[in-house]
């Protein structure tokens, strides 16, 4: 269920995210839609439900991180959310070492944050010889540090969390990897209604292959022979067993493009339960990653 905070004007649109106010997802929401009110939710299921019920207009869901890999459970939840992917956002992760005002680096003995944030800032933690304390959320760690009020304890969180909870930044951008980036999907009750030829588009879908030899090879053959660029293919077990696998895939293009239409036709022949989750604009960040537009 969504966290309850200050009343929100009914006329203002909302974008939901999983986490507490001040979390990196909250910061990403404000970057994507600064015109919208952010709605923190306790779980990813609650985030999807907020959009499905109309309490929020959009949801921003992290799907993978350049350091930590894919976000757990998201691939299981996406197909059954009842929502459509209408966009993507790449958010540079900037971790800050936050403490109560008046604290100095030499005062610190413990640092609190989400397990991923702690793992992504190992160099500073080792340099300062701090004891790491795992929290459920970076923003929750910042809030707890503010409530604790002890100079020996710091949090690793966003600058937004520091601003919200009145903490001082003892050191900025302490993440080990400069490329640390999280990719988010923008979800809506309605489809994006993108048309073929309307720019660089992405199509996301899930499918299962038939339990026969070389099924995956045959299912994906149409993408190669029709020159369709597949940017992501991930498998995960379904049904509580170790035999049935579902695949989540992302490709360049629109399903009505001639080459992608042929590839999907071949996919349907060799697999089943093919479902399009969204057709949406490719974020310009994709081209900058390679530096050559590819």
Protein backbone atom coordinates (compact mmCIF):
# COMPACT_ATOMS: atom_id res chain seq x y z
CA UNK A 1 0.00 0.00 0.00
CA UNK A 2 1.18 3.58 -0.60
CA UNK A 3 2.88 5.41 2.25
CA UNK A 4 0.63 8.07 3.71
CA UNK A 5 2.09 11.56 3.84
CA UNK A 6 0.91 15.11 3.42
CA UNK A 7 -2.35 15.58 1.51
CA UNK A 8 -1.97 15.95 -2.24
CA UNK A 9 -4.08 18.29 -4.31
CA UNK A 10 -6.57 16.13 -6.20
CA UNK A 11 -5.94 18.02 -9.43
CA UNK A 12 -2.24 17.17 -9.54
CA UNK A 13 -1.19 13.98 -11.30
CA UNK A 14 0.83 11.40 -9.40
CA UNK A 15 3.68 9.07 -10.29
CA UNK A 16 4.18 6.08 -7.98
CA UNK A 17 7.43 4.40 -6.99
CA UNK A 18 8.59 1.72 -4.56
CA UNK A 19 10.41 3.12 -1.54
CA UNK A 20 10.27 6.02 0.87
CA UNK A 21 10.29 9.71 0.14
CA UNK A 22 13.82 10.71 -0.85
CA UNK A 23 14.78 7.32 -2.32
CA UNK A 24 16.65 7.17 -5.62
CA UNK A 25 13.39 6.13 -7.29
CA UNK A 26 11.74 9.25 -5.88
CA UNK A 27 14.56 11.36 -7.31
CA UNK A 28 14.15 9.61 -10.69
CA UNK A 29 10.40 10.33 -10.67
CA UNK A 30 11.08 14.03 -10.11
CA UNK A 31 13.54 14.04 -13.00
CA UNK A 32 11.15 12.26 -15.38
CA UNK A 33 8.01 14.19 -14.41
CA UNK A 34 8.80 17.30 -12.35
CA UNK A 35 5.20 18.37 -12.93
CA UNK A 36 3.80 15.37 -11.03
CA UNK A 37 3.45 14.55 -7.33
CA UNK A 38 5.47 11.49 -6.29
CA UNK A 39 3.65 8.70 -4.46
CA UNK A 40 5.85 6.39 -2.34
CA UNK A 41 4.66 2.76 -2.02
CA UNK A 42 5.83 -0.06 0.23
CA UNK A 43 6.22 -2.78 -2.40
CA UNK A 44 6.38 -3.13 -6.16
CA UNK A 45 2.96 -4.82 -6.06
CA UNK A 46 1.57 -1.77 -4.24
CA UNK A 47 3.16 0.50 -6.86
CA UNK A 48 1.45 -1.35 -9.71
CA UNK A 49 -1.82 -1.42 -7.77
CA UNK A 50 -1.71 2.35 -7.24
CA UNK A 51 -1.76 2.87 -11.00
CA UNK A 52 -4.30 0.13 -11.67
CA UNK A 53 -6.71 1.63 -9.13
CA UNK A 54 -6.27 5.17 -10.42
CA UNK A 55 -4.58 6.45 -7.27
CA UNK A 56 -1.54 7.22 -9.45
CA UNK A 57 -1.33 8.01 -13.14
CA UNK A 58 2.07 6.43 -13.77
CA UNK A 59 4.60 4.18 -12.06
CA UNK A 60 8.39 4.29 -12.34
CA UNK A 61 9.89 0.83 -11.87
CA UNK A 62 13.62 0.02 -11.75
CA UNK A 63 14.43 -2.95 -13.96
CA UNK A 64 18.23 -3.19 -13.87
CA UNK A 65 21.39 -1.46 -12.72
CA UNK A 66 24.75 -1.29 -14.50
CA UNK A 67 26.53 -2.51 -11.34
CA UNK A 68 24.03 -4.69 -9.44
CA UNK A 69 22.32 -6.27 -12.46
CA UNK A 70 18.59 -6.88 -12.77
CA UNK A 71 16.22 -5.90 -9.99
CA UNK A 72 14.84 -8.99 -8.25
CA UNK A 73 11.19 -9.97 -8.84
CA UNK A 74 10.46 -7.31 -11.46
CA UNK A 75 10.36 -9.73 -14.38
CA UNK A 76 7.89 -11.90 -12.48
CA UNK A 77 5.63 -8.95 -11.67
CA UNK A 78 5.61 -7.09 -15.00
CA UNK A 79 3.53 -9.57 -17.06
CA UNK A 80 0.77 -9.78 -14.43
CA UNK A 81 0.66 -6.09 -13.53
CA UNK A 82 -2.01 -5.30 -16.12
CA UNK A 83 -0.05 -2.16 -17.03
CA UNK A 84 1.76 -1.10 -20.20
CA UNK A 85 5.35 0.10 -20.60
CA UNK A 86 5.16 3.59 -22.11
CA UNK A 87 8.73 4.81 -21.66
CA UNK A 88 12.16 4.29 -20.14
CA UNK A 89 14.51 6.43 -18.07
CA UNK A 90 18.20 6.06 -17.29
CA UNK A 91 19.16 7.55 -13.92
CA UNK A 92 22.78 8.11 -12.91
CA UNK A 93 23.14 6.87 -9.31
CA UNK A 94 24.86 9.40 -7.08
CA UNK A 95 25.45 8.23 -3.53
CA UNK A 96 26.20 10.75 -0.79
CA UNK A 97 27.54 10.24 2.72
CA UNK A 98 25.02 11.98 4.97
CA UNK A 99 25.15 12.69 8.70
CA UNK A 100 23.58 14.99 11.27
CA UNK A 101 24.69 18.59 11.11
CA UNK A 102 27.91 19.19 13.00
CA UNK A 103 29.27 15.69 12.41
CA UNK A 104 32.70 15.22 10.83
CA UNK A 105 34.22 12.27 8.97
CA UNK A 106 36.37 11.48 11.99
CA UNK A 107 33.27 11.08 14.17
CA UNK A 108 31.81 8.24 12.11
CA UNK A 109 31.84 4.60 13.20
CA UNK A 110 28.80 3.19 11.34
CA UNK A 111 27.19 3.73 7.95
CA UNK A 112 23.61 2.73 7.13
CA UNK A 113 21.99 2.07 3.72
CA UNK A 114 20.42 -0.43 1.35
CA UNK A 115 22.62 -3.46 0.69
CA UNK A 116 23.21 -2.46 -2.94
CA UNK A 117 24.26 1.06 -1.97
CA UNK A 118 26.68 -0.30 0.63
CA UNK A 119 28.17 -2.68 -1.94
CA UNK A 120 28.51 0.15 -4.46
CA UNK A 121 30.46 2.33 -2.00
CA UNK A 122 32.94 -0.19 -0.60
CA UNK A 123 36.01 1.96 -1.20
CA UNK A 124 34.84 4.81 1.03
CA UNK A 125 33.51 2.43 3.67
CA UNK A 126 36.89 0.69 3.84
CA UNK A 127 38.82 3.96 3.74
CA UNK A 128 36.88 5.37 6.71
CA UNK A 129 36.83 1.96 8.47
CA UNK A 130 33.08 2.09 8.99
CA UNK A 131 30.80 -0.73 10.07
CA UNK A 132 28.06 -1.21 7.47
CA UNK A 133 24.45 -1.56 8.63
CA UNK A 134 21.86 -2.80 6.11
CA UNK A 135 18.52 -0.99 5.77
CA UNK A 136 15.53 -1.74 3.56
CA UNK A 137 15.90 1.55 1.69
CA UNK A 138 18.46 4.35 1.29
CA UNK A 139 15.92 7.01 2.22
CA UNK A 140 14.79 5.01 5.25
CA UNK A 141 18.41 4.91 6.38
CA UNK A 142 18.67 8.69 6.03
CA UNK A 143 15.47 9.19 8.00
CA UNK A 144 16.69 6.88 10.77
CA UNK A 145 20.01 8.74 11.00
CA UNK A 146 18.15 12.03 11.35
CA UNK A 147 15.94 10.57 14.08
CA UNK A 148 18.91 8.95 15.84
CA UNK A 149 20.79 12.24 15.98
CA UNK A 150 24.16 10.64 16.72
CA UNK A 151 27.32 11.94 15.07
CA UNK A 152 28.84 8.45 14.91
CA UNK A 153 26.22 7.20 12.44
CA UNK A 154 25.90 8.19 8.77
CA UNK A 155 23.75 7.12 5.84
CA UNK A 156 24.45 6.55 2.17
CA UNK A 157 21.56 8.08 0.24
CA UNK A 158 20.64 10.67 -2.38
CA UNK A 159 21.09 14.40 -1.97
CA UNK A 160 17.27 14.60 -2.07
CA UNK A 161 17.08 12.43 1.05
CA UNK A 162 19.62 14.67 2.77
CA UNK A 163 17.55 17.72 1.91
CA UNK A 164 14.29 16.15 3.07
CA UNK A 165 15.64 14.85 6.39
CA UNK A 166 17.89 17.80 7.19
CA UNK A 167 21.23 15.99 6.97
CA UNK A 168 24.64 17.37 6.01
CA UNK A 169 26.64 15.89 3.14
CA UNK A 170 30.09 14.89 4.38
CA UNK A 171 31.19 13.56 0.99
CA UNK A 172 29.41 13.59 -2.38
CA UNK A 173 29.45 11.02 -5.19
CA UNK A 174 31.09 8.26 -3.19
CA UNK A 175 30.02 5.42 -5.51
CA UNK A 176 32.90 3.23 -6.67
CA UNK A 177 31.80 3.09 -10.33
CA UNK A 178 31.26 6.27 -12.31
CA UNK A 179 29.00 4.41 -14.75
CA UNK A 180 26.56 3.41 -11.98
CA UNK A 181 23.20 3.84 -13.70
CA UNK A 182 19.73 2.45 -13.09
CA UNK A 183 17.24 1.90 -15.90
CA UNK A 184 13.59 2.50 -15.08
CA UNK A 185 10.42 1.60 -16.95
CA UNK A 186 7.50 4.03 -17.02
CA UNK A 187 4.20 2.16 -16.61
CA UNK A 188 0.65 3.25 -17.39
CA UNK A 189 -2.86 1.83 -17.57
CA UNK A 190 -3.01 2.94 -21.20
CA UNK A 191 -0.74 2.02 -24.10
CA UNK A 192 1.64 4.60 -25.51
CA UNK A 193 -0.01 4.37 -28.98
CA UNK A 194 3.29 4.87 -30.79
CA UNK A 195 3.06 4.48 -34.56
CA UNK A 196 5.58 2.81 -36.89
CA UNK A 197 8.15 5.26 -38.19
CA UNK A 198 7.56 7.75 -35.38
CA UNK A 199 11.19 7.65 -34.22
CA UNK A 200 13.43 5.18 -32.38
CA UNK A 201 11.10 2.72 -30.67
CA UNK A 202 11.49 -0.25 -28.34
CA UNK A 203 9.19 -3.25 -27.97
CA UNK A 204 9.16 -5.33 -24.78
CA UNK A 205 7.52 -8.75 -24.60
CA UNK A 206 7.48 -12.06 -22.75
CA UNK A 207 7.19 -15.58 -24.16
CA UNK A 208 7.64 -19.25 -23.33
CA UNK A 209 9.20 -21.79 -25.66
CA UNK A 210 7.82 -25.23 -26.31
CA UNK A 211 9.54 -28.09 -24.50
CA UNK A 212 11.31 -29.49 -27.58
CA UNK A 213 15.00 -29.57 -28.62
CA UNK A 214 16.41 -26.31 -29.99
CA UNK A 215 13.10 -24.51 -29.29
CA UNK A 216 14.76 -21.28 -28.16
CA UNK A 217 17.20 -21.32 -31.08
CA UNK A 218 14.35 -21.73 -33.54
CA UNK A 219 12.14 -19.18 -31.80
CA UNK A 220 14.83 -16.51 -31.97
CA UNK A 221 16.02 -17.34 -35.48
CA UNK A 222 13.54 -14.95 -37.05
CA UNK A 223 15.06 -11.96 -35.28
CA UNK A 224 18.49 -12.72 -36.77
CA UNK A 225 17.30 -13.48 -40.30
CA UNK A 226 15.11 -10.36 -40.37
CA UNK A 227 17.80 -8.06 -38.99
CA UNK A 228 16.04 -7.20 -35.73
CA UNK A 229 18.34 -5.98 -32.95
CA UNK A 230 17.54 -7.70 -29.65
CA UNK A 231 18.85 -5.56 -26.78
CA UNK A 232 17.78 -7.77 -23.88
CA UNK A 233 16.90 -11.42 -23.33
CA UNK A 234 16.53 -12.82 -19.84
CA UNK A 235 15.00 -16.04 -18.56
CA UNK A 236 13.45 -16.86 -15.21
CA UNK A 237 11.68 -19.90 -13.80
CA UNK A 238 7.91 -19.94 -13.47
CA UNK A 239 5.37 -22.27 -11.93
CA UNK A 240 7.52 -23.19 -8.95
CA UNK A 241 9.55 -25.75 -10.89
CA UNK A 242 12.86 -26.06 -12.69
CA UNK A 243 11.57 -26.92 -16.18
CA UNK A 244 9.27 -24.14 -17.35
CA UNK A 245 11.08 -20.91 -18.15
CA UNK A 246 9.66 -17.62 -19.29
CA UNK A 247 11.71 -15.12 -21.28
CA UNK A 248 11.64 -11.34 -21.12
CA UNK A 249 12.93 -9.66 -24.27
CA UNK A 250 13.41 -6.18 -25.69
CA UNK A 251 13.99 -5.37 -29.35
CA UNK A 252 14.40 -2.29 -31.50
CA UNK A 253 11.40 -1.34 -33.58
CA UNK A 254 7.61 -1.47 -33.74
CA UNK A 255 5.63 -4.74 -34.05
CA UNK A 256 4.11 -3.42 -37.28
CA UNK A 257 7.52 -2.84 -38.88
CA UNK A 258 7.91 -5.41 -41.65
CA UNK A 259 11.04 -7.07 -40.27
CA UNK A 260 9.83 -7.20 -36.65
CA UNK A 261 6.39 -8.45 -37.73
CA UNK A 262 8.05 -11.39 -39.53
CA UNK A 263 10.29 -12.11 -36.53
CA UNK A 264 7.32 -12.14 -34.14
CA UNK A 265 5.40 -14.40 -36.52
CA UNK A 266 8.22 -16.93 -36.39
CA UNK A 267 8.46 -16.53 -32.60
CA UNK A 268 4.76 -17.35 -32.27
CA UNK A 269 5.24 -20.50 -34.36
CA UNK A 270 7.97 -21.94 -32.11
CA UNK A 271 6.74 -20.63 -28.74
CA UNK A 272 3.56 -19.78 -26.88
CA UNK A 273 2.12 -17.14 -24.58
CA UNK A 274 3.81 -14.29 -26.46
CA UNK A 275 2.65 -11.03 -24.88
CA UNK A 276 3.65 -7.50 -25.84
CA UNK A 277 4.21 -5.47 -22.65
CA UNK A 278 4.82 -2.15 -24.34
CA UNK A 279 5.92 -0.21 -27.41
CA UNK A 280 7.64 3.01 -26.39
CA UNK A 281 10.26 5.60 -27.39
CA UNK A 282 13.89 4.59 -26.91
CA UNK A 283 15.62 6.94 -24.49
CA UNK A 284 18.40 9.01 -26.17
CA UNK A 285 20.77 7.75 -23.45
CA UNK A 286 20.99 4.49 -25.38
CA UNK A 287 22.95 6.13 -28.18
CA UNK A 288 25.28 7.94 -25.79
CA UNK A 289 26.26 4.64 -24.14
CA UNK A 290 28.12 3.52 -27.24
CA UNK A 291 29.25 6.96 -28.31
CA UNK A 292 28.67 6.12 -31.96
CA UNK A 293 24.90 6.06 -32.12
CA UNK A 294 24.84 2.27 -32.23
